[in-house]
Full PDB file with SEQRES, HELIX, SHEET, SSBOND, CRYST1, ORIGX, SCALE, CONECT and MASTER records, all heavy atoms in Angstrom:
SEQRES   1 A   31  GLY ALA LEU LEU ARG ARG ASN LEU LEU ILE TYR GLY LEU          
SEQRES   2 A   31  GLY GLY ILE VAL VAL PRO PHE VAL GLY ILE LYS ALA ILE          
SEQRES   3 A   31  ASP LEU VAL ILE THR                                          
HELIX    1 AA1 ALA A    2  ASN A    7  1                                   6    
HELIX    2 AA2 LEU A    8  GLY A   12  3                                   5    
HELIX    3 AA3 LEU A   13  ILE A   30  1                                  18    
CRYST1    1.000    1.000    1.000  90.00  90.00  90.00 P 1           1          
ORIGX1      1.000000  0.000000  0.000000        0.00000                         
ORIGX2      0.000000  1.000000  0.000000        0.00000                         
ORIGX3      0.000000  0.000000  1.000000        0.00000                         
SCALE1      1.000000  0.000000  0.000000        0.00000                         
SCALE2      0.000000  1.000000  0.000000        0.00000                         
SCALE3      0.000000  0.000000  1.000000        0.00000                         
ATOM      1  N   GLY A   1       0.800  -1.201  -0.012  1.00  0.00           N  
ATOM      2  CA  GLY A   1      -0.005  -0.003  -0.001  1.00  0.00           C  
ATOM      3  C   GLY A   1       0.827   1.268  -0.010  1.00  0.00           C  
ATOM      4  O   GLY A   1       0.624   2.210  -0.780  1.00  0.00           O  
ATOM      5  N   ALA A   2       1.897   1.290   0.838  1.00  0.00           N  
ATOM      6  CA  ALA A   2       2.760   2.456   0.927  1.00  0.00           C  
ATOM      7  C   ALA A   2       3.537   2.585  -0.341  1.00  0.00           C  
ATOM      8  O   ALA A   2       3.755   3.731  -0.857  1.00  0.00           O  
ATOM      9  CB  ALA A   2       3.754   2.298   2.089  1.00  0.00           C  
ATOM     10  N   LEU A   3       3.935   1.479  -1.030  1.00  0.00           N  
ATOM     11  CA  LEU A   3       4.581   1.533  -2.242  1.00  0.00           C  
ATOM     12  C   LEU A   3       3.798   2.135  -3.334  1.00  0.00           C  
ATOM     13  O   LEU A   3       4.202   2.929  -4.149  1.00  0.00           O  
ATOM     14  CB  LEU A   3       5.114   0.181  -2.630  1.00  0.00           C  
ATOM     15  CG  LEU A   3       5.912   0.012  -3.935  1.00  0.00           C  
ATOM     16  CD1 LEU A   3       7.182   0.817  -3.817  1.00  0.00           C  
ATOM     17  CD2 LEU A   3       6.242  -1.449  -4.198  1.00  0.00           C  
ATOM     18  N   LEU A   4       2.489   1.719  -3.314  1.00  0.00           N  
ATOM     19  CA  LEU A   4       1.560   2.274  -4.409  1.00  0.00           C  
ATOM     20  C   LEU A   4       1.382   3.729  -4.215  1.00  0.00           C  
ATOM     21  O   LEU A   4       1.381   4.496  -5.220  1.00  0.00           O  
ATOM     22  CB  LEU A   4       0.238   1.558  -4.247  1.00  0.00           C  
ATOM     23  CG  LEU A   4      -0.852   2.031  -5.270  1.00  0.00           C  
ATOM     24  CD1 LEU A   4      -0.437   1.827  -6.713  1.00  0.00           C  
ATOM     25  CD2 LEU A   4      -2.182   1.267  -4.979  1.00  0.00           C  
ATOM     26  N   ARG A   5       1.190   4.188  -2.953  1.00  0.00           N  
ATOM     27  CA  ARG A   5       1.081   5.620  -2.734  1.00  0.00           C  
ATOM     28  C   ARG A   5       2.323   6.402  -3.142  1.00  0.00           C  
ATOM     29  O   ARG A   5       2.217   7.478  -3.743  1.00  0.00           O  
ATOM     30  CB  ARG A   5       0.764   5.878  -1.266  1.00  0.00           C  
ATOM     31  CG  ARG A   5      -0.631   5.438  -0.789  1.00  0.00           C  
ATOM     32  CD  ARG A   5      -0.959   5.952   0.515  1.00  0.00           C  
ATOM     33  NE  ARG A   5      -0.047   5.420   1.561  1.00  0.00           N  
ATOM     34  CZ  ARG A   5      -0.298   4.311   2.258  1.00  0.00           C  
ATOM     35  NH1 ARG A   5      -1.356   3.555   1.945  1.00  0.00           N  
ATOM     36  NH2 ARG A   5       0.562   3.879   3.131  1.00  0.00           N  
ATOM     37  N   ARG A   6       3.459   5.829  -2.899  1.00  0.00           N  
ATOM     38  CA  ARG A   6       4.718   6.418  -3.256  1.00  0.00           C  
ATOM     39  C   ARG A   6       4.878   6.552  -4.778  1.00  0.00           C  
ATOM     40  O   ARG A   6       5.276   7.547  -5.289  1.00  0.00           O  
ATOM     41  CB  ARG A   6       5.938   5.614  -2.656  1.00  0.00           C  
ATOM     42  CG  ARG A   6       7.285   6.155  -2.951  1.00  0.00           C  
ATOM     43  CD  ARG A   6       8.302   5.398  -2.150  1.00  0.00           C  
ATOM     44  NE  ARG A   6       9.665   5.826  -2.527  1.00  0.00           N  
ATOM     45  CZ  ARG A   6      10.405   5.222  -3.454  1.00  0.00           C  
ATOM     46  NH1 ARG A   6       9.922   4.227  -4.129  1.00  0.00           N  
ATOM     47  NH2 ARG A   6      11.635   5.654  -3.744  1.00  0.00           N  
ATOM     48  N   ASN A   7       4.510   5.468  -5.493  1.00  0.00           N  
ATOM     49  CA  ASN A   7       4.585   5.512  -6.908  1.00  0.00           C  
ATOM     50  C   ASN A   7       3.702   6.527  -7.503  1.00  0.00           C  
ATOM     51  O   ASN A   7       4.047   7.243  -8.432  1.00  0.00           O  
ATOM     52  CB  ASN A   7       4.278   4.130  -7.499  1.00  0.00           C  
ATOM     53  CG  ASN A   7       5.458   3.147  -7.565  1.00  0.00           C  
ATOM     54  OD1 ASN A   7       6.602   3.598  -7.246  1.00  0.00           O  
ATOM     55  ND2 ASN A   7       5.237   1.910  -7.860  1.00  0.00           N  
ATOM     56  N   LEU A   8       2.456   6.596  -6.991  1.00  0.00           N  
ATOM     57  CA  LEU A   8       1.504   7.571  -7.502  1.00  0.00           C  
ATOM     58  C   LEU A   8       1.940   8.981  -7.255  1.00  0.00           C  
ATOM     59  O   LEU A   8       1.804   9.846  -8.074  1.00  0.00           O  
ATOM     60  CB  LEU A   8       0.119   7.306  -6.910  1.00  0.00           C  
ATOM     61  CG  LEU A   8      -0.593   6.024  -7.339  1.00  0.00           C  
ATOM     62  CD1 LEU A   8      -1.894   5.860  -6.559  1.00  0.00           C  
ATOM     63  CD2 LEU A   8      -0.819   6.012  -8.879  1.00  0.00           C  
ATOM     64  N   LEU A   9       2.519   9.207  -6.030  1.00  0.00           N  
ATOM     65  CA  LEU A   9       2.949  10.565  -5.643  1.00  0.00           C  
ATOM     66  C   LEU A   9       4.140  11.005  -6.449  1.00  0.00           C  
ATOM     67  O   LEU A   9       4.163  12.089  -6.973  1.00  0.00           O  
ATOM     68  CB  LEU A   9       3.241  10.600  -4.147  1.00  0.00           C  
ATOM     69  CG  LEU A   9       3.699  11.950  -3.586  1.00  0.00           C  
ATOM     70  CD1 LEU A   9       2.632  13.030  -3.794  1.00  0.00           C  
ATOM     71  CD2 LEU A   9       4.072  11.836  -2.131  1.00  0.00           C  
ATOM     72  N   ILE A  10       5.205  10.100  -6.535  1.00  0.00           N  
ATOM     73  CA  ILE A  10       6.408  10.517  -7.202  1.00  0.00           C  
ATOM     74  C   ILE A  10       6.385  10.331  -8.746  1.00  0.00           C  
ATOM     75  O   ILE A  10       6.588  11.247  -9.501  1.00  0.00           O  
ATOM     76  CB  ILE A  10       7.630   9.716  -6.588  1.00  0.00           C  
ATOM     77  CG1 ILE A  10       7.771  10.042  -5.123  1.00  0.00           C  
ATOM     78  CG2 ILE A  10       8.898  10.039  -7.352  1.00  0.00           C  
ATOM     79  CD1 ILE A  10       8.873   9.218  -4.399  1.00  0.00           C  
ATOM     80  N   TYR A  11       6.075   9.122  -9.159  1.00  0.00           N  
ATOM     81  CA  TYR A  11       6.134   8.822 -10.562  1.00  0.00           C  
ATOM     82  C   TYR A  11       4.801   9.108 -11.283  1.00  0.00           C  
ATOM     83  O   TYR A  11       4.860   9.420 -12.471  1.00  0.00           O  
ATOM     84  CB  TYR A  11       6.569   7.346 -10.766  1.00  0.00           C  
ATOM     85  CG  TYR A  11       7.936   7.032 -10.209  1.00  0.00           C  
ATOM     86  CD1 TYR A  11       8.096   6.494  -8.948  1.00  0.00           C  
ATOM     87  CD2 TYR A  11       9.094   7.411 -10.945  1.00  0.00           C  
ATOM     88  CE1 TYR A  11       9.324   6.259  -8.418  1.00  0.00           C  
ATOM     89  CE2 TYR A  11      10.319   7.221 -10.407  1.00  0.00           C  
ATOM     90  CZ  TYR A  11      10.503   6.645  -9.193  1.00  0.00           C  
ATOM     91  OH  TYR A  11      11.697   6.439  -8.662  1.00  0.00           O  
ATOM     92  N   GLY A  12       3.706   8.967 -10.602  1.00  0.00           N  
ATOM     93  CA  GLY A  12       2.449   9.392 -11.210  1.00  0.00           C  
ATOM     94  C   GLY A  12       2.347  10.875 -11.392  1.00  0.00           C  
ATOM     95  O   GLY A  12       2.137  11.361 -12.492  1.00  0.00           O  
ATOM     96  N   LEU A  13       2.523  11.623 -10.270  1.00  0.00           N  
ATOM     97  CA  LEU A  13       2.476  13.062 -10.362  1.00  0.00           C  
ATOM     98  C   LEU A  13       3.625  13.611 -11.180  1.00  0.00           C  
ATOM     99  O   LEU A  13       3.469  14.517 -12.001  1.00  0.00           O  
ATOM    100  CB  LEU A  13       2.570  13.628  -8.922  1.00  0.00           C  
ATOM    101  CG  LEU A  13       2.432  15.197  -8.789  1.00  0.00           C  
ATOM    102  CD1 LEU A  13       1.116  15.635  -9.376  1.00  0.00           C  
ATOM    103  CD2 LEU A  13       2.533  15.590  -7.350  1.00  0.00           C  
ATOM    104  N   GLY A  14       4.866  12.977 -11.017  1.00  0.00           N  
ATOM    105  CA  GLY A  14       5.997  13.391 -11.809  1.00  0.00           C  
ATOM    106  C   GLY A  14       5.733  13.171 -13.289  1.00  0.00           C  
ATOM    107  O   GLY A  14       6.110  13.919 -14.135  1.00  0.00           O  
ATOM    108  N   GLY A  15       5.066  12.039 -13.640  1.00  0.00           N  
ATOM    109  CA  GLY A  15       4.782  11.714 -15.011  1.00  0.00           C  
ATOM    110  C   GLY A  15       3.847  12.695 -15.656  1.00  0.00           C  
ATOM    111  O   GLY A  15       3.786  12.821 -16.876  1.00  0.00           O  
ATOM    112  N   ILE A  16       3.054  13.381 -14.856  1.00  0.00           N  
ATOM    113  CA  ILE A  16       2.149  14.420 -15.406  1.00  0.00           C  
ATOM    114  C   ILE A  16       2.842  15.749 -15.480  1.00  0.00           C  
ATOM    115  O   ILE A  16       2.728  16.466 -16.472  1.00  0.00           O  
ATOM    116  CB  ILE A  16       0.885  14.532 -14.504  1.00  0.00           C  
ATOM    117  CG1 ILE A  16       0.023  13.226 -14.664  1.00  0.00           C  
ATOM    118  CG2 ILE A  16       0.065  15.745 -14.881  1.00  0.00           C  
ATOM    119  CD1 ILE A  16      -1.174  13.201 -13.783  1.00  0.00           C  
ATOM    120  N   VAL A  17       3.562  16.098 -14.470  1.00  0.00           N  
ATOM    121  CA  VAL A  17       4.245  17.456 -14.389  1.00  0.00           C  
ATOM    122  C   VAL A  17       5.391  17.582 -15.397  1.00  0.00           C  
ATOM    123  O   VAL A  17       5.511  18.552 -16.116  1.00  0.00           O  
ATOM    124  CB  VAL A  17       4.705  17.706 -12.988  1.00  0.00           C  
ATOM    125  CG1 VAL A  17       5.522  19.039 -12.883  1.00  0.00           C  
ATOM    126  CG2 VAL A  17       3.514  17.817 -12.015  1.00  0.00           C  
ATOM    127  N   VAL A  18       6.273  16.518 -15.421  1.00  0.00           N  
ATOM    128  CA  VAL A  18       7.489  16.663 -16.285  1.00  0.00           C  
ATOM    129  C   VAL A  18       7.167  16.899 -17.720  1.00  0.00           C  
ATOM    130  O   VAL A  18       7.745  17.740 -18.343  1.00  0.00           O  
ATOM    131  CB  VAL A  18       8.332  15.354 -16.104  1.00  0.00           C  
ATOM    132  CG1 VAL A  18       9.449  15.308 -17.179  1.00  0.00           C  
ATOM    133  CG2 VAL A  18       8.915  15.245 -14.652  1.00  0.00           C  
ATOM    134  N   PRO A  19       6.129  16.219 -18.349  1.00  0.00           N  
ATOM    135  CA  PRO A  19       5.869  16.482 -19.775  1.00  0.00           C  
ATOM    136  C   PRO A  19       5.344  17.900 -19.936  1.00  0.00           C  
ATOM    137  O   PRO A  19       5.708  18.543 -20.969  1.00  0.00           O  
ATOM    138  CB  PRO A  19       4.767  15.474 -20.123  1.00  0.00           C  
ATOM    139  CG  PRO A  19       4.981  14.374 -19.131  1.00  0.00           C  
ATOM    140  CD  PRO A  19       5.430  14.984 -17.878  1.00  0.00           C  
ATOM    141  N   PHE A  20       4.576  18.393 -19.024  1.00  0.00           N  
ATOM    142  CA  PHE A  20       4.118  19.800 -19.229  1.00  0.00           C  
ATOM    143  C   PHE A  20       5.329  20.800 -19.271  1.00  0.00           C  
ATOM    144  O   PHE A  20       5.337  21.658 -20.121  1.00  0.00           O  
ATOM    145  CB  PHE A  20       3.213  20.216 -17.964  1.00  0.00           C  
ATOM    146  CG  PHE A  20       1.768  19.764 -18.215  1.00  0.00           C  
ATOM    147  CD1 PHE A  20       1.279  18.563 -17.785  1.00  0.00           C  
ATOM    148  CD2 PHE A  20       0.892  20.654 -18.834  1.00  0.00           C  
ATOM    149  CE1 PHE A  20       0.024  18.178 -17.980  1.00  0.00           C  
ATOM    150  CE2 PHE A  20      -0.458  20.260 -19.084  1.00  0.00           C  
ATOM    151  CZ  PHE A  20      -0.895  19.041 -18.655  1.00  0.00           C  
ATOM    152  N   VAL A  21       6.224  20.561 -18.342  1.00  0.00           N  
ATOM    153  CA  VAL A  21       7.459  21.393 -18.336  1.00  0.00           C  
ATOM    154  C   VAL A  21       8.283  21.173 -19.553  1.00  0.00           C  
ATOM    155  O   VAL A  21       8.733  22.120 -20.246  1.00  0.00           O  
ATOM    156  CB  VAL A  21       8.217  21.218 -17.035  1.00  0.00           C  
ATOM    157  CG1 VAL A  21       9.548  22.047 -17.054  1.00  0.00           C  
ATOM    158  CG2 VAL A  21       7.388  21.550 -15.825  1.00  0.00           C  
ATOM    159  N   GLY A  22       8.577  19.898 -19.862  1.00  0.00           N  
ATOM    160  CA  GLY A  22       9.421  19.542 -20.955  1.00  0.00           C  
ATOM    161  C   GLY A  22       8.925  19.944 -22.314  1.00  0.00           C  
ATOM    162  O   GLY A  22       9.665  20.502 -23.125  1.00  0.00           O  
ATOM    163  N   ILE A  23       7.687  19.673 -22.578  1.00  0.00           N  
ATOM    164  CA  ILE A  23       7.066  20.016 -23.840  1.00  0.00           C  
ATOM    165  C   ILE A  23       7.012  21.497 -24.035  1.00  0.00           C  
ATOM    166  O   ILE A  23       7.322  22.008 -25.120  1.00  0.00           O  
ATOM    167  CB  ILE A  23       5.668  19.396 -23.977  1.00  0.00           C  
ATOM    168  CG1 ILE A  23       5.746  17.876 -24.113  1.00  0.00           C  
ATOM    169  CG2 ILE A  23       4.919  19.973 -25.186  1.00  0.00           C  
ATOM    170  CD1 ILE A  23       4.429  17.152 -24.073  1.00  0.00           C  
ATOM    171  N   LYS A  24       6.713  22.281 -23.009  1.00  0.00           N  
ATOM    172  CA  LYS A  24       6.712  23.708 -23.139  1.00  0.00           C  
ATOM    173  C   LYS A  24       8.088  24.244 -23.414  1.00  0.00           C  
ATOM    174  O   LYS A  24       8.265  25.133 -24.246  1.00  0.00           O  
ATOM    175  CB  LYS A  24       6.129  24.307 -21.791  1.00  0.00           C  
ATOM    176  CG  LYS A  24       6.158  25.858 -21.768  1.00  0.00           C  
ATOM    177  CD  LYS A  24       5.241  26.424 -22.900  1.00  0.00           C  
ATOM    178  CE  LYS A  24       5.205  27.958 -22.826  1.00  0.00           C  
ATOM    179  NZ  LYS A  24       4.369  28.477 -23.958  1.00  0.00           N  
ATOM    180  N   ALA A  25       9.139  23.708 -22.702  1.00  0.00           N  
ATOM    181  CA  ALA A  25      10.443  24.136 -22.967  1.00  0.00           C  
ATOM    182  C   ALA A  25      10.912  23.830 -24.399  1.00  0.00           C  
ATOM    183  O   ALA A  25      11.529  24.692 -25.069  1.00  0.00           O  
ATOM    184  CB  ALA A  25      11.427  23.454 -21.977  1.00  0.00           C  
ATOM    185  N   ILE A  26      10.614  22.653 -24.911  1.00  0.00           N  
ATOM    186  CA  ILE A  26      10.927  22.329 -26.247  1.00  0.00           C  
ATOM    187  C   ILE A  26      10.175  23.209 -27.286  1.00  0.00           C  
ATOM    188  O   ILE A  26      10.736  23.643 -28.316  1.00  0.00           O  
ATOM    189  CB  ILE A  26      10.582  20.811 -26.549  1.00  0.00           C  
ATOM    190  CG1 ILE A  26      11.479  19.920 -25.695  1.00  0.00           C  
ATOM    191  CG2 ILE A  26      10.801  20.468 -28.016  1.00  0.00           C  
ATOM    192  CD1 ILE A  26      11.102  18.456 -25.707  1.00  0.00           C  
ATOM    193  N   ASP A  27       8.903  23.492 -26.963  1.00  0.00           N  
ATOM    194  CA  ASP A  27       8.131  24.405 -27.807  1.00  0.00           C  
ATOM    195  C   ASP A  27       8.784  25.763 -27.923  1.00  0.00           C  
ATOM    196  O   ASP A  27       8.825  26.311 -29.053  1.00  0.00           O  
ATOM    197  CB  ASP A  27       6.699  24.565 -27.207  1.00  0.00           C  
ATOM    198  CG  ASP A  27       5.837  25.495 -28.025  1.00  0.00           C  
ATOM    199  OD1 ASP A  27       5.450  25.221 -29.126  1.00  0.00           O  
ATOM    200  OD2 ASP A  27       5.609  26.614 -27.473  1.00  0.00           O  
ATOM    201  N   LEU A  28       9.270  26.269 -26.835  1.00  0.00           N  
ATOM    202  CA  LEU A  28       9.963  27.575 -26.836  1.00  0.00           C  
ATOM    203  C   LEU A  28      11.197  27.562 -27.715  1.00  0.00           C  
ATOM    204  O   LEU A  28      11.496  28.485 -28.443  1.00  0.00           O  
ATOM    205  CB  LEU A  28      10.324  28.025 -25.406  1.00  0.00           C  
ATOM    206  CG  LEU A  28       9.163  28.384 -24.522  1.00  0.00           C  
ATOM    207  CD1 LEU A  28       9.633  28.625 -23.075  1.00  0.00           C  
ATOM    208  CD2 LEU A  28       8.409  29.590 -25.037  1.00  0.00           C  
ATOM    209  N   VAL A  29      11.964  26.459 -27.617  1.00  0.00           N  
ATOM    210  CA  VAL A  29      13.240  26.360 -28.381  1.00  0.00           C  
ATOM    211  C   VAL A  29      12.952  26.200 -29.890  1.00  0.00           C  
ATOM    212  O   VAL A  29      13.510  26.912 -30.689  1.00  0.00           O  
ATOM    213  CB  VAL A  29      14.020  25.098 -27.868  1.00  0.00           C  
ATOM    214  CG1 VAL A  29      15.233  24.823 -28.833  1.00  0.00           C  
ATOM    215  CG2 VAL A  29      14.470  25.278 -26.471  1.00  0.00           C  
ATOM    216  N   ILE A  30      11.971  25.321 -30.269  1.00  0.00           N  
ATOM    217  CA  ILE A  30      11.793  25.113 -31.696  1.00  0.00           C  
ATOM    218  C   ILE A  30      11.094  26.331 -32.303  1.00  0.00           C  
ATOM    219  O   ILE A  30      11.274  26.593 -33.529  1.00  0.00           O  
ATOM    220  CB  ILE A  30      10.958  23.834 -32.005  1.00  0.00           C  
ATOM    221  CG1 ILE A  30       9.584  23.897 -31.384  1.00  0.00           C  
ATOM    222  CG2 ILE A  30      11.712  22.611 -31.500  1.00  0.00           C  
ATOM    223  CD1 ILE A  30       8.704  22.689 -31.703  1.00  0.00           C  
ATOM    224  N   THR A  31      10.304  27.032 -31.476  1.00  0.00           N  
ATOM    225  CA  THR A  31       9.684  28.266 -32.040  1.00  0.00           C  
ATOM    226  C   THR A  31      10.745  29.389 -32.236  1.00  0.00           C  
ATOM    227  O   THR A  31      10.759  30.066 -33.254  1.00  0.00           O  
ATOM    228  CB  THR A  31       8.650  28.809 -31.041  1.00  0.00           C  
ATOM    229  OG1 THR A  31       7.664  27.755 -30.845  1.00  0.00           O  
ATOM    230  CG2 THR A  31       7.974  30.062 -31.535  1.00  0.00           C  
TER     231      THR A  31                                                      
MASTER        0    0    0    3    0    0    0    6  230    1    0    3          
END                                                                             
């Protein structure tokens, strides 16, 4: 249970946040 919560918090939330930041940064560069 603790492992699932940890995965959702770190890798689940991180998996959502990182693309937003990364895609926006790449968009600025290619533009």
